[in-house]
């Protein structure tokens, strides 16, 4: 089973309110010396007048990851499952390429 490392590489925010509008992310799955990676961006629609609004300066990685995994276009389970499948294929390939007469 892979180890997953989620990284927030950048945040885009509204300058006036500090509301985060986009989270840039990457996730690496690794087993031993083999690893695969995926990345992208999650879109948010912050509401600065909401009771649960968190000021930019008070954000933590854990808070932002929670938002990211709740974003419409980022599904943590799906992404980790896809990375695990890619990793499994690298470790135990089910497909091969080549030309049989090239090895003669």
N, C-alpha and C. Protein backbone atom coordinates (compact mmCIF):
# COMPACT_ATOMS: atom_id res chain seq x y z
N UNK A 1 0.85 -1.18 0.00
CA UNK A 1 0.00 0.00 0.00
C UNK A 1 0.89 1.24 0.00
N UNK A 2 0.50 2.20 -0.78
CA UNK A 2 1.29 3.42 -0.96
C UNK A 2 1.18 4.36 0.23
N UNK A 3 2.18 5.20 0.34
CA UNK A 3 2.15 6.34 1.24
C UNK A 3 1.83 7.56 0.38
N UNK A 4 0.87 8.36 0.80
CA UNK A 4 0.44 9.53 0.03
C UNK A 4 0.90 10.80 0.73
N UNK A 5 1.46 11.71 -0.05
CA UNK A 5 1.92 13.00 0.47
C UNK A 5 1.23 14.11 -0.31
N UNK A 6 0.33 14.81 0.35
CA UNK A 6 -0.39 15.93 -0.26
C UNK A 6 0.35 17.23 0.05
N UNK A 7 0.60 18.03 -1.00
CA UNK A 7 1.32 19.29 -0.85
C UNK A 7 0.48 20.42 -1.45
N UNK A 8 0.39 21.51 -0.72
CA UNK A 8 -0.23 22.73 -1.25
C UNK A 8 0.92 23.59 -1.77
N UNK A 9 0.92 23.83 -3.08
CA UNK A 9 2.04 24.58 -3.67
C UNK A 9 1.77 26.08 -3.77
N UNK A 10 0.49 26.46 -3.78
CA UNK A 10 0.18 27.89 -3.87
C UNK A 10 -1.30 28.11 -3.60
N UNK A 11 -1.63 29.30 -3.15
CA UNK A 11 -3.01 29.73 -2.95
C UNK A 11 -3.25 31.01 -3.71
N UNK A 12 -4.38 31.08 -4.41
CA UNK A 12 -4.79 32.33 -5.03
C UNK A 12 -5.92 32.89 -4.16
N UNK A 13 -5.90 34.21 -3.95
CA UNK A 13 -6.90 34.80 -3.07
C UNK A 13 -7.32 36.17 -3.57
N UNK A 14 -8.48 36.59 -3.09
CA UNK A 14 -8.99 37.93 -3.36
C UNK A 14 -8.21 38.89 -2.46
N UNK A 15 -7.56 39.87 -3.05
CA UNK A 15 -6.72 40.80 -2.28
C UNK A 15 -7.51 41.60 -1.26
N UNK A 16 -8.73 41.94 -1.58
CA UNK A 16 -9.52 42.79 -0.68
C UNK A 16 -10.02 42.02 0.54
N UNK A 17 -10.45 40.77 0.34
CA UNK A 17 -11.05 40.03 1.45
C UNK A 17 -10.13 38.96 2.05
N UNK A 18 -9.14 38.54 1.29
CA UNK A 18 -8.27 37.47 1.73
C UNK A 18 -8.89 36.10 1.51
N UNK A 19 -10.04 36.04 0.88
CA UNK A 19 -10.70 34.76 0.61
C UNK A 19 -9.96 33.96 -0.44
N UNK A 20 -9.64 32.71 -0.14
CA UNK A 20 -8.91 31.84 -1.07
C UNK A 20 -9.87 31.36 -2.16
N UNK A 21 -9.46 31.57 -3.41
CA UNK A 21 -10.30 31.21 -4.55
C UNK A 21 -9.78 29.99 -5.31
N UNK A 22 -8.48 29.69 -5.16
CA UNK A 22 -7.92 28.54 -5.87
C UNK A 22 -6.78 27.96 -5.04
N UNK A 23 -6.77 26.62 -4.94
CA UNK A 23 -5.73 25.90 -4.21
C UNK A 23 -4.96 25.05 -5.22
N UNK A 24 -3.68 25.31 -5.38
CA UNK A 24 -2.82 24.51 -6.25
C UNK A 24 -2.21 23.40 -5.41
N UNK A 25 -2.31 22.17 -5.91
CA UNK A 25 -1.91 21.01 -5.11
C UNK A 25 -1.14 19.99 -5.93
N UNK A 26 -0.46 19.10 -5.21
CA UNK A 26 0.18 17.93 -5.80
C UNK A 26 0.06 16.80 -4.78
N UNK A 27 -0.04 15.58 -5.29
CA UNK A 27 -0.07 14.41 -4.42
C UNK A 27 0.91 13.38 -4.99
N UNK A 28 1.79 12.89 -4.14
CA UNK A 28 2.75 11.86 -4.52
C UNK A 28 2.40 10.57 -3.78
N UNK A 29 2.36 9.48 -4.52
CA UNK A 29 2.17 8.15 -3.94
C UNK A 29 3.48 7.40 -4.10
N UNK A 30 3.95 6.78 -3.03
CA UNK A 30 5.22 6.06 -3.13
C UNK A 30 5.19 4.76 -2.34
N UNK A 31 5.95 3.80 -2.88
CA UNK A 31 6.20 2.52 -2.21
C UNK A 31 7.67 2.23 -2.45
N UNK A 32 8.46 2.20 -1.39
CA UNK A 32 9.89 1.99 -1.55
C UNK A 32 10.50 3.10 -2.38
N UNK A 33 11.16 2.73 -3.49
CA UNK A 33 11.81 3.72 -4.35
C UNK A 33 10.97 4.10 -5.55
N UNK A 34 9.74 3.58 -5.64
CA UNK A 34 8.87 3.85 -6.78
C UNK A 34 7.82 4.89 -6.37
N UNK A 35 7.61 5.87 -7.25
CA UNK A 35 6.63 6.90 -6.94
C UNK A 35 5.94 7.44 -8.17
N UNK A 36 4.73 7.94 -7.99
CA UNK A 36 3.96 8.60 -9.03
C UNK A 36 3.36 9.87 -8.43
N UNK A 37 2.99 10.80 -9.32
CA UNK A 37 2.53 12.09 -8.83
C UNK A 37 1.39 12.61 -9.72
N UNK A 38 0.49 13.35 -9.09
CA UNK A 38 -0.58 14.03 -9.81
C UNK A 38 -0.72 15.41 -9.18
N UNK A 39 -1.35 16.30 -9.88
CA UNK A 39 -1.54 17.65 -9.34
C UNK A 39 -2.60 18.40 -10.10
N UNK A 40 -2.97 19.54 -9.56
CA UNK A 40 -3.99 20.35 -10.20
C UNK A 40 -4.36 21.52 -9.32
N UNK A 41 -5.58 21.98 -9.48
CA UNK A 41 -6.06 23.11 -8.70
C UNK A 41 -7.52 22.89 -8.34
N UNK A 42 -7.86 23.26 -7.12
CA UNK A 42 -9.24 23.20 -6.65
C UNK A 42 -9.81 24.60 -6.56
N UNK A 43 -11.00 24.78 -7.06
CA UNK A 43 -11.67 26.08 -7.07
C UNK A 43 -12.56 26.25 -5.84
N UNK A 44 -12.54 27.43 -5.26
CA UNK A 44 -13.38 27.75 -4.10
C UNK A 44 -14.15 29.04 -4.36
N UNK A 45 -15.25 29.20 -3.65
CA UNK A 45 -16.05 30.44 -3.69
C UNK A 45 -16.22 30.94 -2.26
N UNK A 46 -15.22 31.63 -1.73
CA UNK A 46 -15.29 32.05 -0.33
C UNK A 46 -16.34 33.14 -0.10
N UNK A 47 -16.91 33.12 1.09
CA UNK A 47 -17.87 34.14 1.49
C UNK A 47 -17.31 34.84 2.73
N UNK A 48 -16.71 36.02 2.57
CA UNK A 48 -16.08 36.72 3.69
C UNK A 48 -17.05 37.10 4.81
N UNK A 49 -18.34 37.15 4.53
CA UNK A 49 -19.30 37.50 5.58
C UNK A 49 -19.84 36.27 6.32
N UNK A 50 -19.42 35.07 5.92
CA UNK A 50 -19.87 33.85 6.58
C UNK A 50 -19.25 33.74 7.97
N UNK A 51 -19.97 33.15 8.89
CA UNK A 51 -19.50 33.00 10.28
C UNK A 51 -18.26 32.13 10.36
N UNK A 52 -18.10 31.17 9.43
CA UNK A 52 -16.96 30.26 9.48
C UNK A 52 -15.80 30.70 8.58
N UNK A 53 -15.84 31.94 8.06
CA UNK A 53 -14.76 32.46 7.24
C UNK A 53 -13.47 32.52 8.06
N UNK A 54 -12.38 32.03 7.49
CA UNK A 54 -11.08 32.05 8.18
C UNK A 54 -10.16 33.01 7.46
N UNK A 55 -9.63 34.00 8.17
CA UNK A 55 -8.71 34.96 7.54
C UNK A 55 -7.48 34.26 6.99
N UNK A 56 -6.96 34.77 5.90
CA UNK A 56 -5.80 34.19 5.22
C UNK A 56 -4.64 33.94 6.19
N UNK A 57 -4.36 34.88 7.03
CA UNK A 57 -3.23 34.75 7.97
C UNK A 57 -3.42 33.62 8.98
N UNK A 58 -4.65 33.17 9.18
CA UNK A 58 -4.93 32.11 10.16
C UNK A 58 -5.02 30.72 9.54
N UNK A 59 -4.81 30.61 8.25
CA UNK A 59 -4.93 29.31 7.59
C UNK A 59 -3.78 28.38 7.95
N UNK A 60 -4.09 27.08 8.00
CA UNK A 60 -3.08 26.04 8.19
C UNK A 60 -3.19 25.06 7.03
N UNK A 61 -2.19 24.24 6.87
CA UNK A 61 -2.22 23.22 5.82
C UNK A 61 -3.44 22.31 6.01
N UNK A 62 -3.75 21.95 7.23
CA UNK A 62 -4.87 21.05 7.50
C UNK A 62 -6.20 21.68 7.09
N UNK A 63 -6.38 22.96 7.37
CA UNK A 63 -7.61 23.65 6.97
C UNK A 63 -7.74 23.67 5.45
N UNK A 64 -6.65 24.03 4.78
CA UNK A 64 -6.68 24.15 3.32
C UNK A 64 -6.88 22.78 2.67
N UNK A 65 -6.25 21.74 3.21
CA UNK A 65 -6.48 20.40 2.66
C UNK A 65 -7.95 20.00 2.82
N UNK A 66 -8.56 20.33 3.93
CA UNK A 66 -9.98 20.05 4.12
C UNK A 66 -10.83 20.75 3.07
N UNK A 67 -10.51 21.99 2.79
CA UNK A 67 -11.23 22.71 1.73
C UNK A 67 -11.00 22.05 0.38
N UNK A 68 -9.73 21.71 0.11
CA UNK A 68 -9.38 21.11 -1.17
C UNK A 68 -10.16 19.83 -1.40
N UNK A 69 -10.18 18.95 -0.42
CA UNK A 69 -10.85 17.67 -0.57
C UNK A 69 -12.37 17.84 -0.62
N UNK A 70 -12.87 19.00 -0.24
CA UNK A 70 -14.29 19.29 -0.35
C UNK A 70 -14.66 20.02 -1.63
N UNK A 71 -13.65 20.42 -2.42
CA UNK A 71 -13.90 21.14 -3.67
C UNK A 71 -14.57 20.21 -4.68
N UNK A 72 -15.40 20.79 -5.54
CA UNK A 72 -16.15 20.00 -6.51
C UNK A 72 -15.27 19.17 -7.44
N UNK A 73 -14.11 19.71 -7.82
CA UNK A 73 -13.30 19.02 -8.82
C UNK A 73 -12.14 18.22 -8.23
N UNK A 74 -12.09 18.07 -6.90
CA UNK A 74 -11.01 17.30 -6.28
C UNK A 74 -11.63 16.25 -5.36
N UNK A 75 -11.42 14.99 -5.70
CA UNK A 75 -11.94 13.89 -4.89
C UNK A 75 -10.74 13.10 -4.36
N UNK A 76 -10.45 13.24 -3.08
CA UNK A 76 -9.27 12.64 -2.47
C UNK A 76 -9.21 11.13 -2.71
N UNK A 77 -10.30 10.43 -2.47
CA UNK A 77 -10.33 8.98 -2.62
C UNK A 77 -10.06 8.58 -4.06
N UNK A 78 -10.70 9.25 -5.01
CA UNK A 78 -10.50 8.92 -6.42
C UNK A 78 -9.05 9.15 -6.83
N UNK A 79 -8.47 10.27 -6.44
CA UNK A 79 -7.10 10.60 -6.81
C UNK A 79 -6.13 9.58 -6.20
N UNK A 80 -6.31 9.25 -4.93
CA UNK A 80 -5.42 8.28 -4.30
C UNK A 80 -5.58 6.89 -4.92
N UNK A 81 -6.80 6.51 -5.28
CA UNK A 81 -7.00 5.22 -5.94
C UNK A 81 -6.34 5.17 -7.32
N UNK A 82 -6.44 6.26 -8.06
CA UNK A 82 -5.80 6.32 -9.38
C UNK A 82 -4.28 6.27 -9.26
N UNK A 83 -3.73 6.98 -8.28
CA UNK A 83 -2.28 6.94 -8.07
C UNK A 83 -1.83 5.55 -7.63
N UNK A 84 -2.62 4.91 -6.77
CA UNK A 84 -2.29 3.55 -6.34
C UNK A 84 -2.27 2.59 -7.53
N UNK A 85 -3.25 2.72 -8.43
CA UNK A 85 -3.31 1.87 -9.62
C UNK A 85 -2.08 2.08 -10.52
N UNK A 86 -1.67 3.33 -10.70
CA UNK A 86 -0.48 3.63 -11.51
C UNK A 86 0.76 3.04 -10.85
N UNK A 87 0.84 3.18 -9.56
CA UNK A 87 1.97 2.65 -8.81
C UNK A 87 2.01 1.12 -8.90
N UNK A 88 0.86 0.48 -8.74
CA UNK A 88 0.78 -0.98 -8.85
C UNK A 88 1.25 -1.44 -10.23
N UNK A 89 0.86 -0.71 -11.26
CA UNK A 89 1.26 -1.07 -12.63
C UNK A 89 2.78 -0.95 -12.81
N UNK A 90 3.39 0.05 -12.19
CA UNK A 90 4.84 0.19 -12.27
C UNK A 90 5.56 -0.94 -11.53
N UNK A 91 5.03 -1.31 -10.38
CA UNK A 91 5.67 -2.34 -9.56
C UNK A 91 5.45 -3.74 -10.15
N UNK A 92 4.25 -4.02 -10.61
CA UNK A 92 3.89 -5.32 -11.20
C UNK A 92 3.20 -5.09 -12.54
N UNK A 93 3.97 -4.83 -13.60
CA UNK A 93 3.38 -4.48 -14.90
C UNK A 93 2.49 -5.59 -15.45
N UNK A 94 1.38 -5.16 -16.04
CA UNK A 94 0.48 -6.09 -16.71
C UNK A 94 0.57 -5.93 -18.23
N UNK A 95 1.35 -4.97 -18.69
CA UNK A 95 1.53 -4.72 -20.12
C UNK A 95 3.03 -4.61 -20.40
N UNK A 96 3.39 -4.98 -21.62
CA UNK A 96 4.79 -4.89 -22.04
C UNK A 96 4.84 -4.45 -23.50
N UNK A 97 5.98 -4.00 -23.94
CA UNK A 97 6.18 -3.59 -25.32
C UNK A 97 7.43 -4.28 -25.86
N UNK A 98 7.60 -4.22 -27.14
CA UNK A 98 8.80 -4.78 -27.74
C UNK A 98 8.50 -5.47 -29.06
N UNK A 99 9.55 -6.00 -29.65
CA UNK A 99 9.47 -6.74 -30.90
C UNK A 99 10.20 -8.06 -30.64
N UNK A 100 9.52 -9.21 -30.84
CA UNK A 100 10.11 -10.49 -30.44
C UNK A 100 11.42 -10.82 -31.16
N UNK A 101 11.59 -10.42 -32.39
CA UNK A 101 12.81 -10.76 -33.11
C UNK A 101 13.98 -9.83 -32.77
N UNK A 102 13.69 -8.73 -32.05
CA UNK A 102 14.77 -7.80 -31.67
C UNK A 102 15.71 -8.39 -30.63
N UNK A 103 15.25 -9.41 -29.89
CA UNK A 103 16.07 -10.00 -28.84
C UNK A 103 16.89 -11.18 -29.35
N UNK A 104 16.74 -11.54 -30.62
CA UNK A 104 17.44 -12.71 -31.17
C UNK A 104 18.89 -12.43 -31.45
